[in-house]
Amino acid sequence: WEETFESEDIVSKGWRIVNRDSSDGTVTFFSPFEFFKLAQQNAYKGNYFLKLNFENANSKNVTDDWIITPKLYNIQENDSISFWCGAIDKVFKDSLKIYISETDNETGSFILKDYFKVDGPAGSWHKKSYDLSEFKGKNIYFAVNYYLLNAGPTGSSSDNVWIDYFALTGKGYGG
């Protein structure tokens, strides 16, 4: 199973995007664009990639946006899921949380698996990969959460982060 974001319509393919902070900002799809004359940002694979930034914060400077995969069926030992991410630089501490749910795709059902700062520079991509062996024989949902306090245009914890190309490798995904 893989998702290369060939179109902006991922909801019809079982993906779920949740804006828990109730801000006006949303997850945005981009095709290549020039990032403030720092670098050309291209999709890692496919036509589009997901981009989140400081504009995703609410009036209390909190950002809490979720990207949840479709159900991933029949996970097997040594299966892994990976995706690619990047950020503009290390000055602003954009970070992502990784969650997994064995029950459903409601945000309250997920268990935190990782929390990391996204690396730059603009124009680059970095692979994150997670072993799913502990979920052998189960169906799961995988979520990436862009959660920041002190975010927004006046905050010191957010700038820009991008996400692309999810892949489940191994013997799983009978869906």
N, C-alpha and C. Protein backbone atom coordinates (compact mmCIF):
# COMPACT_ATOMS: atom_id res chain seq x y z
N TRP A 1 0.85 -1.17 0.00
CA TRP A 1 0.00 0.00 0.00
C TRP A 1 0.89 1.23 0.00
N GLU A 2 0.49 2.23 -0.77
CA GLU A 2 1.22 3.49 -0.78
C GLU A 2 0.27 4.62 -1.15
N GLU A 3 0.64 5.81 -0.74
CA GLU A 3 -0.09 7.01 -1.11
C GLU A 3 0.91 8.04 -1.61
N THR A 4 0.77 8.40 -2.88
CA THR A 4 1.68 9.37 -3.49
C THR A 4 1.02 10.71 -3.72
N PHE A 5 -0.22 10.88 -3.29
CA PHE A 5 -0.96 12.12 -3.44
C PHE A 5 -0.96 12.60 -4.89
N GLU A 6 -1.51 11.76 -5.73
CA GLU A 6 -1.64 12.11 -7.15
C GLU A 6 -2.73 13.14 -7.37
N SER A 7 -3.63 13.29 -6.39
CA SER A 7 -4.66 14.32 -6.47
C SER A 7 -4.87 14.88 -5.07
N GLU A 8 -5.68 15.93 -4.99
CA GLU A 8 -5.98 16.54 -3.71
C GLU A 8 -7.13 15.84 -3.00
N ASP A 9 -7.75 14.88 -3.64
CA ASP A 9 -8.90 14.19 -3.06
C ASP A 9 -8.46 12.90 -2.36
N ILE A 10 -8.04 13.03 -1.11
CA ILE A 10 -7.63 11.83 -0.37
C ILE A 10 -8.75 11.31 0.51
N VAL A 11 -9.73 12.14 0.82
CA VAL A 11 -10.84 11.70 1.68
C VAL A 11 -11.62 10.57 1.00
N SER A 12 -11.81 10.65 -0.29
CA SER A 12 -12.54 9.58 -0.99
C SER A 12 -11.76 8.27 -0.98
N LYS A 13 -10.47 8.33 -0.65
CA LYS A 13 -9.64 7.12 -0.57
C LYS A 13 -9.49 6.63 0.88
N GLY A 14 -10.32 7.17 1.78
CA GLY A 14 -10.32 6.69 3.16
C GLY A 14 -9.49 7.49 4.13
N TRP A 15 -8.79 8.51 3.68
CA TRP A 15 -8.01 9.36 4.57
C TRP A 15 -8.95 10.26 5.36
N ARG A 16 -8.47 10.69 6.52
CA ARG A 16 -9.24 11.62 7.34
C ARG A 16 -8.32 12.77 7.75
N ILE A 17 -8.79 13.99 7.57
CA ILE A 17 -8.06 15.18 8.01
C ILE A 17 -8.90 15.84 9.09
N VAL A 18 -8.29 16.07 10.26
CA VAL A 18 -9.01 16.61 11.41
C VAL A 18 -8.33 17.88 11.88
N ASN A 19 -9.11 18.95 11.98
CA ASN A 19 -8.63 20.23 12.48
C ASN A 19 -9.16 20.38 13.91
N ARG A 20 -8.41 19.84 14.89
CA ARG A 20 -8.88 19.85 16.28
C ARG A 20 -8.74 21.20 16.97
N ASP A 21 -7.93 22.09 16.42
CA ASP A 21 -7.76 23.39 17.07
C ASP A 21 -8.82 24.40 16.64
N SER A 22 -9.67 24.02 15.71
CA SER A 22 -10.76 24.88 15.21
C SER A 22 -10.26 26.19 14.61
N SER A 23 -9.07 26.19 14.05
CA SER A 23 -8.55 27.39 13.40
C SER A 23 -9.11 27.48 11.99
N ASP A 24 -8.85 28.60 11.36
CA ASP A 24 -9.23 28.76 9.95
C ASP A 24 -8.23 28.06 9.03
N GLY A 25 -7.04 27.79 9.53
CA GLY A 25 -6.01 27.14 8.72
C GLY A 25 -6.35 25.68 8.47
N THR A 26 -5.99 25.18 7.33
CA THR A 26 -6.25 23.80 6.99
C THR A 26 -4.99 23.16 6.42
N VAL A 27 -5.01 21.85 6.35
CA VAL A 27 -3.96 21.12 5.65
C VAL A 27 -4.07 21.50 4.19
N THR A 28 -2.98 21.90 3.59
CA THR A 28 -2.98 22.37 2.22
C THR A 28 -2.20 21.41 1.34
N PHE A 29 -2.70 21.19 0.15
CA PHE A 29 -1.96 20.40 -0.84
C PHE A 29 -1.19 21.36 -1.73
N PHE A 30 0.05 21.02 -2.00
CA PHE A 30 0.87 21.84 -2.88
C PHE A 30 1.47 20.97 -3.96
N SER A 31 1.66 21.56 -5.10
CA SER A 31 2.55 21.01 -6.09
C SER A 31 3.80 21.87 -5.98
N PRO A 32 4.82 21.62 -6.74
CA PRO A 32 6.08 22.37 -6.54
C PRO A 32 5.88 23.88 -6.44
N PHE A 33 6.63 24.49 -5.53
CA PHE A 33 6.60 25.94 -5.39
C PHE A 33 7.96 26.42 -4.89
N GLU A 34 8.26 27.69 -5.14
CA GLU A 34 9.50 28.27 -4.63
C GLU A 34 9.25 28.77 -3.23
N PHE A 35 10.11 28.35 -2.31
CA PHE A 35 9.93 28.67 -0.90
C PHE A 35 10.77 29.89 -0.54
N PHE A 36 10.17 31.08 -0.63
CA PHE A 36 10.81 32.34 -0.26
C PHE A 36 12.24 32.47 -0.79
N LYS A 37 12.46 32.06 -2.00
CA LYS A 37 13.77 32.14 -2.67
C LYS A 37 14.85 31.32 -1.96
N LEU A 38 14.43 30.46 -1.01
CA LEU A 38 15.38 29.59 -0.32
C LEU A 38 15.62 28.31 -1.10
N ALA A 39 14.55 27.78 -1.66
CA ALA A 39 14.66 26.50 -2.37
C ALA A 39 13.37 26.21 -3.11
N GLN A 40 13.48 25.40 -4.12
CA GLN A 40 12.30 24.87 -4.80
C GLN A 40 11.83 23.66 -4.00
N GLN A 41 10.56 23.65 -3.59
CA GLN A 41 10.02 22.51 -2.85
C GLN A 41 9.15 21.70 -3.78
N ASN A 42 9.60 20.49 -4.08
CA ASN A 42 8.87 19.57 -4.93
C ASN A 42 8.29 18.45 -4.09
N ALA A 43 7.25 17.81 -4.62
CA ALA A 43 6.72 16.61 -3.97
C ALA A 43 7.83 15.57 -3.93
N TYR A 44 7.85 14.75 -2.88
CA TYR A 44 8.84 13.68 -2.85
C TYR A 44 8.52 12.67 -3.94
N LYS A 45 7.22 12.34 -4.06
CA LYS A 45 6.77 11.40 -5.09
C LYS A 45 5.33 11.76 -5.41
N GLY A 46 4.95 11.74 -6.66
CA GLY A 46 3.59 12.09 -7.04
C GLY A 46 3.47 13.55 -7.42
N ASN A 47 2.23 14.00 -7.53
CA ASN A 47 1.97 15.37 -7.97
C ASN A 47 1.88 16.38 -6.84
N TYR A 48 1.46 15.95 -5.66
CA TYR A 48 1.21 16.87 -4.55
C TYR A 48 1.87 16.38 -3.27
N PHE A 49 1.98 17.30 -2.32
CA PHE A 49 2.37 16.95 -0.96
C PHE A 49 1.53 17.79 -0.02
N LEU A 50 1.48 17.38 1.24
CA LEU A 50 0.72 18.10 2.27
C LEU A 50 1.62 19.12 2.94
N LYS A 51 1.09 20.31 3.16
CA LYS A 51 1.87 21.36 3.81
C LYS A 51 1.05 21.97 4.94
N LEU A 52 1.69 22.14 6.08
CA LEU A 52 1.08 22.80 7.23
C LEU A 52 2.03 23.90 7.67
N ASN A 53 1.49 24.97 8.28
CA ASN A 53 2.38 26.03 8.73
C ASN A 53 1.77 26.84 9.86
N PHE A 54 2.44 27.94 10.20
CA PHE A 54 2.03 28.77 11.33
C PHE A 54 0.60 29.29 11.17
N GLU A 55 0.10 29.36 9.97
CA GLU A 55 -1.27 29.83 9.75
C GLU A 55 -2.31 28.81 10.21
N ASN A 56 -1.88 27.59 10.56
CA ASN A 56 -2.80 26.58 11.05
C ASN A 56 -3.15 26.76 12.53
N ALA A 57 -2.56 27.75 13.20
CA ALA A 57 -2.82 27.97 14.63
C ALA A 57 -4.14 28.71 14.85
N ASN A 58 -4.73 28.45 16.02
CA ASN A 58 -5.96 29.16 16.38
C ASN A 58 -5.60 30.46 17.12
N SER A 59 -6.60 31.16 17.64
CA SER A 59 -6.37 32.45 18.30
C SER A 59 -5.59 32.32 19.61
N LYS A 60 -5.48 31.10 20.14
CA LYS A 60 -4.69 30.86 21.35
C LYS A 60 -3.29 30.34 21.02
N ASN A 61 -2.90 30.46 19.75
CA ASN A 61 -1.58 30.03 19.25
C ASN A 61 -1.34 28.53 19.42
N VAL A 62 -2.39 27.74 19.24
CA VAL A 62 -2.29 26.28 19.28
C VAL A 62 -2.58 25.73 17.90
N THR A 63 -1.77 24.79 17.47
CA THR A 63 -1.99 24.06 16.23
C THR A 63 -2.20 22.60 16.59
N ASP A 64 -3.28 22.01 16.09
CA ASP A 64 -3.59 20.61 16.37
C ASP A 64 -4.32 20.03 15.15
N ASP A 65 -3.56 19.65 14.14
CA ASP A 65 -4.10 19.11 12.90
C ASP A 65 -3.63 17.67 12.72
N TRP A 66 -4.56 16.81 12.31
CA TRP A 66 -4.29 15.38 12.16
C TRP A 66 -4.48 14.94 10.72
N ILE A 67 -3.61 14.05 10.26
CA ILE A 67 -3.73 13.36 8.97
C ILE A 67 -3.74 11.88 9.30
N ILE A 68 -4.85 11.22 9.01
CA ILE A 68 -5.04 9.82 9.42
C ILE A 68 -5.21 8.94 8.18
N THR A 69 -4.44 7.87 8.12
CA THR A 69 -4.50 6.96 6.98
C THR A 69 -5.83 6.22 6.94
N PRO A 70 -6.14 5.63 5.80
CA PRO A 70 -7.23 4.66 5.77
C PRO A 70 -6.85 3.47 6.66
N LYS A 71 -7.81 2.60 6.93
CA LYS A 71 -7.51 1.41 7.73
C LYS A 71 -6.47 0.57 7.01
N LEU A 72 -5.46 0.15 7.74
CA LEU A 72 -4.40 -0.72 7.22
C LEU A 72 -4.67 -2.11 7.77
N TYR A 73 -4.96 -3.05 6.89
CA TYR A 73 -5.46 -4.36 7.26
C TYR A 73 -4.37 -5.40 7.49
N ASN A 74 -4.63 -6.28 8.45
CA ASN A 74 -3.86 -7.51 8.65
C ASN A 74 -2.35 -7.26 8.70
N ILE A 75 -1.94 -6.43 9.62
CA ILE A 75 -0.51 -6.14 9.80
C ILE A 75 0.22 -7.43 10.17
N GLN A 76 1.38 -7.62 9.60
CA GLN A 76 2.18 -8.82 9.84
C GLN A 76 3.52 -8.46 10.48
N GLU A 77 4.15 -9.44 11.08
CA GLU A 77 5.47 -9.23 11.66
C GLU A 77 6.42 -8.71 10.59
N ASN A 78 7.22 -7.74 10.94
CA ASN A 78 8.19 -7.08 10.07
C ASN A 78 7.56 -6.11 9.07
N ASP A 79 6.25 -5.87 9.15
CA ASP A 79 5.67 -4.80 8.35
C ASP A 79 6.15 -3.48 8.93
N SER A 80 6.28 -2.49 8.07
CA SER A 80 6.63 -1.14 8.54
C SER A 80 5.88 -0.12 7.70
N ILE A 81 5.69 1.03 8.30
CA ILE A 81 5.10 2.15 7.58
C ILE A 81 6.10 3.29 7.59
N SER A 82 6.18 3.97 6.47
CA SER A 82 7.10 5.10 6.37
C SER A 82 6.41 6.26 5.67
N PHE A 83 6.95 7.42 5.89
CA PHE A 83 6.53 8.61 5.16
C PHE A 83 7.71 9.57 5.13
N TRP A 84 7.60 10.59 4.30
CA TRP A 84 8.67 11.57 4.15
C TRP A 84 8.18 12.91 4.65
N CYS A 85 9.06 13.66 5.31
CA CYS A 85 8.68 14.97 5.84
C CYS A 85 9.87 15.93 5.74
N GLY A 86 9.58 17.20 5.88
CA GLY A 86 10.62 18.21 5.85
C GLY A 86 10.12 19.49 6.47
N ALA A 87 11.04 20.41 6.71
CA ALA A 87 10.71 21.72 7.29
C ALA A 87 11.69 22.75 6.74
N ILE A 88 11.37 24.00 7.01
CA ILE A 88 12.20 25.06 6.44
C ILE A 88 13.58 25.14 7.10
N ASP A 89 13.65 25.02 8.41
CA ASP A 89 14.94 25.12 9.09
C ASP A 89 14.80 24.67 10.54
N LYS A 90 15.84 24.87 11.33
CA LYS A 90 15.82 24.46 12.73
C LYS A 90 15.56 25.63 13.68
N VAL A 91 15.38 26.84 13.15
CA VAL A 91 15.14 28.00 14.00
C VAL A 91 13.79 27.89 14.69
N PHE A 92 12.75 27.60 13.92
CA PHE A 92 11.43 27.38 14.48
C PHE A 92 11.27 25.88 14.66
N LYS A 93 10.79 25.46 15.80
CA LYS A 93 10.80 24.05 16.18
C LYS A 93 9.53 23.31 15.77
N ASP A 94 9.27 23.27 14.46
CA ASP A 94 8.15 22.47 13.99
C ASP A 94 8.36 21.02 14.41
N SER A 95 7.29 20.40 14.85
CA SER A 95 7.40 19.01 15.28
C SER A 95 6.15 18.25 14.87
N LEU A 96 6.28 16.94 14.83
CA LEU A 96 5.18 16.05 14.49
C LEU A 96 5.07 14.97 15.55
N LYS A 97 3.83 14.56 15.81
CA LYS A 97 3.57 13.43 16.69
C LYS A 97 3.03 12.30 15.83
N ILE A 98 3.43 11.07 16.16
CA ILE A 98 2.98 9.89 15.43
C ILE A 98 2.12 9.06 16.37
N TYR A 99 0.94 8.68 15.89
CA TYR A 99 -0.01 7.92 16.68
C TYR A 99 -0.47 6.68 15.90
N ILE A 100 -0.89 5.66 16.64
CA ILE A 100 -1.48 4.45 16.04
C ILE A 100 -2.72 4.08 16.84
N SER A 101 -3.77 3.68 16.11
CA SER A 101 -5.01 3.22 16.73
C SER A 101 -5.34 1.83 16.22
N GLU A 102 -5.76 0.96 17.14
CA GLU A 102 -6.21 -0.39 16.77
C GLU A 102 -7.73 -0.46 16.69
N THR A 103 -8.43 0.64 17.00
CA THR A 103 -9.89 0.57 17.06
C THR A 103 -10.59 1.33 15.94
N ASP A 104 -10.34 2.64 15.85
CA ASP A 104 -11.01 3.44 14.83
C ASP A 104 -10.16 4.67 14.52
N ASN A 105 -10.70 5.55 13.68
CA ASN A 105 -9.92 6.72 13.29
C ASN A 105 -10.34 8.00 14.02
N GLU A 106 -10.94 7.86 15.20
CA GLU A 106 -11.25 9.01 16.05
C GLU A 106 -9.99 9.39 16.83
N THR A 107 -9.67 10.66 16.91
CA THR A 107 -8.41 11.10 17.50
C THR A 107 -8.22 10.62 18.94
N GLY A 108 -9.30 10.46 19.69
CA GLY A 108 -9.20 9.99 21.07
C GLY A 108 -8.81 8.52 21.20
N SER A 109 -8.82 7.77 20.10
CA SER A 109 -8.50 6.34 20.13
C SER A 109 -7.02 6.04 19.91
N PHE A 110 -6.25 7.04 19.59
CA PHE A 110 -4.85 6.83 19.20
C PHE A 110 -3.91 6.83 20.40
N ILE A 111 -2.82 6.07 20.26
CA ILE A 111 -1.75 6.00 21.27
C ILE A 111 -0.49 6.61 20.66
N LEU A 112 0.15 7.49 21.40
CA LEU A 112 1.37 8.16 20.94
C LEU A 112 2.51 7.17 20.77
N LYS A 113 3.17 7.21 19.62
CA LYS A 113 4.31 6.34 19.33
C LYS A 113 5.62 7.11 19.17
N ASP A 114 5.55 8.37 18.75
CA ASP A 114 6.78 9.14 18.53
C ASP A 114 6.43 10.62 18.53
N TYR A 115 7.43 11.43 18.85
CA TYR A 115 7.30 12.87 18.84
C TYR A 115 8.67 13.40 18.48
N PHE A 116 8.79 14.10 17.37
CA PHE A 116 10.11 14.52 16.89
C PHE A 116 10.05 15.88 16.24
N LYS A 117 11.19 16.55 16.22
CA LYS A 117 11.33 17.81 15.52
C LYS A 117 11.65 17.51 14.06
N VAL A 118 10.99 18.23 13.18
CA VAL A 118 11.17 18.02 11.75
C VAL A 118 12.39 18.81 11.30
N ASP A 119 13.22 18.17 10.51
CA ASP A 119 14.47 18.76 10.05
C ASP A 119 14.29 19.49 8.73
N GLY A 120 15.16 20.44 8.48
CA GLY A 120 15.24 21.18 7.22
C GLY A 120 16.47 20.73 6.47
N PRO A 121 16.93 21.48 5.55
CA PRO A 121 16.50 22.80 5.12
C PRO A 121 15.37 22.73 4.11
N ALA A 122 14.84 23.90 3.74
CA ALA A 122 13.81 23.97 2.71
C ALA A 122 14.29 23.24 1.47
N GLY A 123 13.38 22.55 0.83
CA GLY A 123 13.71 21.80 -0.39
C GLY A 123 14.10 20.36 -0.12
N SER A 124 14.27 19.97 1.15
CA SER A 124 14.74 18.61 1.46
C SER A 124 13.61 17.75 2.02
N TRP A 125 13.84 16.44 1.98
CA TRP A 125 12.91 15.45 2.54
C TRP A 125 13.68 14.50 3.43
N HIS A 126 13.04 14.03 4.51
CA HIS A 126 13.64 13.08 5.44
C HIS A 126 12.65 11.94 5.70
N LYS A 127 13.13 10.72 5.64
CA LYS A 127 12.27 9.55 5.79
C LYS A 127 12.12 9.19 7.27
N LYS A 128 10.87 8.92 7.66
CA LYS A 128 10.57 8.39 8.98
C LYS A 128 9.92 7.03 8.76
N SER A 129 10.35 6.03 9.52
CA SER A 129 9.84 4.67 9.34
C SER A 129 9.55 4.05 10.71
N TYR A 130 8.47 3.25 10.77
CA TYR A 130 8.04 2.66 12.04
C TYR A 130 7.73 1.18 11.85
N ASP A 131 8.37 0.36 12.68
CA ASP A 131 8.10 -1.08 12.68
C ASP A 131 6.72 -1.32 13.30
N LEU A 132 5.91 -2.14 12.62
CA LEU A 132 4.55 -2.41 13.09
C LEU A 132 4.37 -3.82 13.62
N SER A 133 5.46 -4.53 13.86
CA SER A 133 5.38 -5.93 14.28
C SER A 133 4.50 -6.15 15.51
N GLU A 134 4.47 -5.19 16.43
CA GLU A 134 3.67 -5.35 17.65
C GLU A 134 2.17 -5.40 17.34
N PHE A 135 1.77 -5.05 16.13
CA PHE A 135 0.36 -5.06 15.75
C PHE A 135 0.02 -6.25 14.85
N LYS A 136 0.86 -7.29 14.89
CA LYS A 136 0.67 -8.48 14.06
C LYS A 136 -0.76 -9.01 14.17
N GLY A 137 -1.38 -9.25 13.00
CA GLY A 137 -2.73 -9.79 12.95
C GLY A 137 -3.84 -8.77 13.18
N LYS A 138 -3.49 -7.52 13.35
CA LYS A 138 -4.49 -6.48 13.64
C LYS A 138 -4.65 -5.52 12.47
N ASN A 139 -5.74 -4.80 12.49
CA ASN A 139 -5.98 -3.70 11.57
C ASN A 139 -5.70 -2.42 12.35
N ILE A 140 -5.04 -1.46 11.72
CA ILE A 140 -4.67 -0.24 12.42
C ILE A 140 -4.93 1.00 11.56
N TYR A 141 -4.89 2.14 12.23
CA TYR A 141 -4.84 3.44 11.59
C TYR A 141 -3.54 4.10 12.05
N PHE A 142 -2.91 4.82 11.16
CA PHE A 142 -1.66 5.52 11.45
C PHE A 142 -1.94 7.01 11.28
N ALA A 143 -1.51 7.83 12.24
CA ALA A 143 -1.80 9.26 12.19
C ALA A 143 -0.53 10.09 12.40
N VAL A 144 -0.48 11.20 11.67
CA VAL A 144 0.55 12.22 11.87
C VAL A 144 -0.18 13.45 12.40
N ASN A 145 0.31 13.96 13.52
CA ASN A 145 -0.33 15.09 14.20
C ASN A 145 0.65 16.26 14.25
N TYR A 146 0.23 17.38 13.67
CA TYR A 146 0.99 18.62 13.73
C TYR A 146 0.44 19.39 14.93
N TYR A 147 1.10 19.22 16.09
CA TYR A 147 0.63 19.79 17.34
C TYR A 147 1.70 20.70 17.92
N LEU A 148 1.34 21.95 18.12
CA LEU A 148 2.29 22.91 18.67
C LEU A 148 1.58 23.89 19.59
N LEU A 149 2.23 24.23 20.68
CA LEU A 149 1.83 25.35 21.51
C LEU A 149 2.75 26.51 21.13
N ASN A 150 2.35 27.71 21.40
CA ASN A 150 3.13 28.90 21.03
C ASN A 150 3.39 28.91 19.52
N ALA A 151 2.36 28.56 18.76
CA ALA A 151 2.45 28.55 17.31
C ALA A 151 1.84 29.84 16.76
N GLY A 152 1.60 29.88 15.49
CA GLY A 152 0.96 31.02 14.86
C GLY A 152 1.93 32.10 14.45
N PRO A 153 1.43 33.16 13.82
CA PRO A 153 2.29 34.23 13.31
C PRO A 153 3.13 34.91 14.38
N THR A 154 2.66 34.95 15.63
CA THR A 154 3.43 35.60 16.69
C THR A 154 4.14 34.59 17.60
N GLY A 155 3.97 33.31 17.33
CA GLY A 155 4.60 32.27 18.17
C GLY A 155 6.02 31.97 17.74
N SER A 156 6.71 31.24 18.58
CA SER A 156 8.10 30.89 18.28
C SER A 156 8.27 29.41 17.98
N SER A 157 7.16 28.67 17.83
CA SER A 157 7.27 27.22 17.67
C SER A 157 6.80 26.70 16.32
N SER A 158 6.50 27.58 15.38
CA SER A 158 6.00 27.05 14.11
C SER A 158 6.51 27.86 12.93
N ASP A 159 6.64 27.20 11.83
CA ASP A 159 6.99 27.84 10.57
C ASP A 159 6.28 27.07 9.47
N ASN A 160 6.94 26.10 8.87
CA ASN A 160 6.36 25.30 7.79
C ASN A 160 6.86 23.86 7.89
N VAL A 161 5.96 22.93 7.63
CA VAL A 161 6.32 21.51 7.60
C VAL A 161 5.56 20.88 6.43
N TRP A 162 6.19 19.91 5.78
CA TRP A 162 5.54 19.23 4.66
C TRP A 162 5.65 17.73 4.82
N ILE A 163 4.68 17.00 4.25
CA ILE A 163 4.55 15.56 4.42
C ILE A 163 4.19 14.95 3.07
N ASP A 164 4.79 13.78 2.76
CA ASP A 164 4.50 13.14 1.48
C ASP A 164 4.80 11.65 1.55
N TYR A 165 4.33 10.96 0.58
CA TYR A 165 4.57 9.56 0.26
C TYR A 165 4.60 8.61 1.45
N PHE A 166 3.42 8.09 1.76
CA PHE A 166 3.27 7.06 2.79
C PHE A 166 3.36 5.69 2.12
N ALA A 167 4.03 4.74 2.78
CA ALA A 167 4.13 3.38 2.23
C ALA A 167 4.13 2.36 3.36
N LEU A 168 3.33 1.32 3.18
CA LEU A 168 3.32 0.16 4.07
C LEU A 168 4.06 -0.94 3.34
N THR A 169 5.15 -1.42 3.94
CA THR A 169 5.94 -2.47 3.29
C THR A 169 5.90 -3.72 4.16
N GLY A 170 5.97 -4.86 3.52
CA GLY A 170 5.89 -6.15 4.18
C GLY A 170 4.77 -6.96 3.58
N LYS A 171 4.18 -7.83 4.38
CA LYS A 171 3.16 -8.75 3.88
C LYS A 171 1.74 -8.30 4.18
N GLY A 172 1.58 -7.22 4.97
CA GLY A 172 0.26 -6.78 5.39
C GLY A 172 -0.54 -6.11 4.30
N TYR A 173 -1.62 -5.49 4.69
CA TYR A 173 -2.58 -4.75 3.91
C TYR A 173 -3.35 -5.63 2.94
N GLY A 174 -4.29 -6.35 3.51
CA GLY A 174 -5.18 -7.16 2.71
C GLY A 174 -6.44 -6.41 2.31
N GLY A 175 -6.50 -5.09 2.56
CA GLY A 175 -7.71 -4.30 2.34
C GLY A 175 -7.91 -3.97 0.93
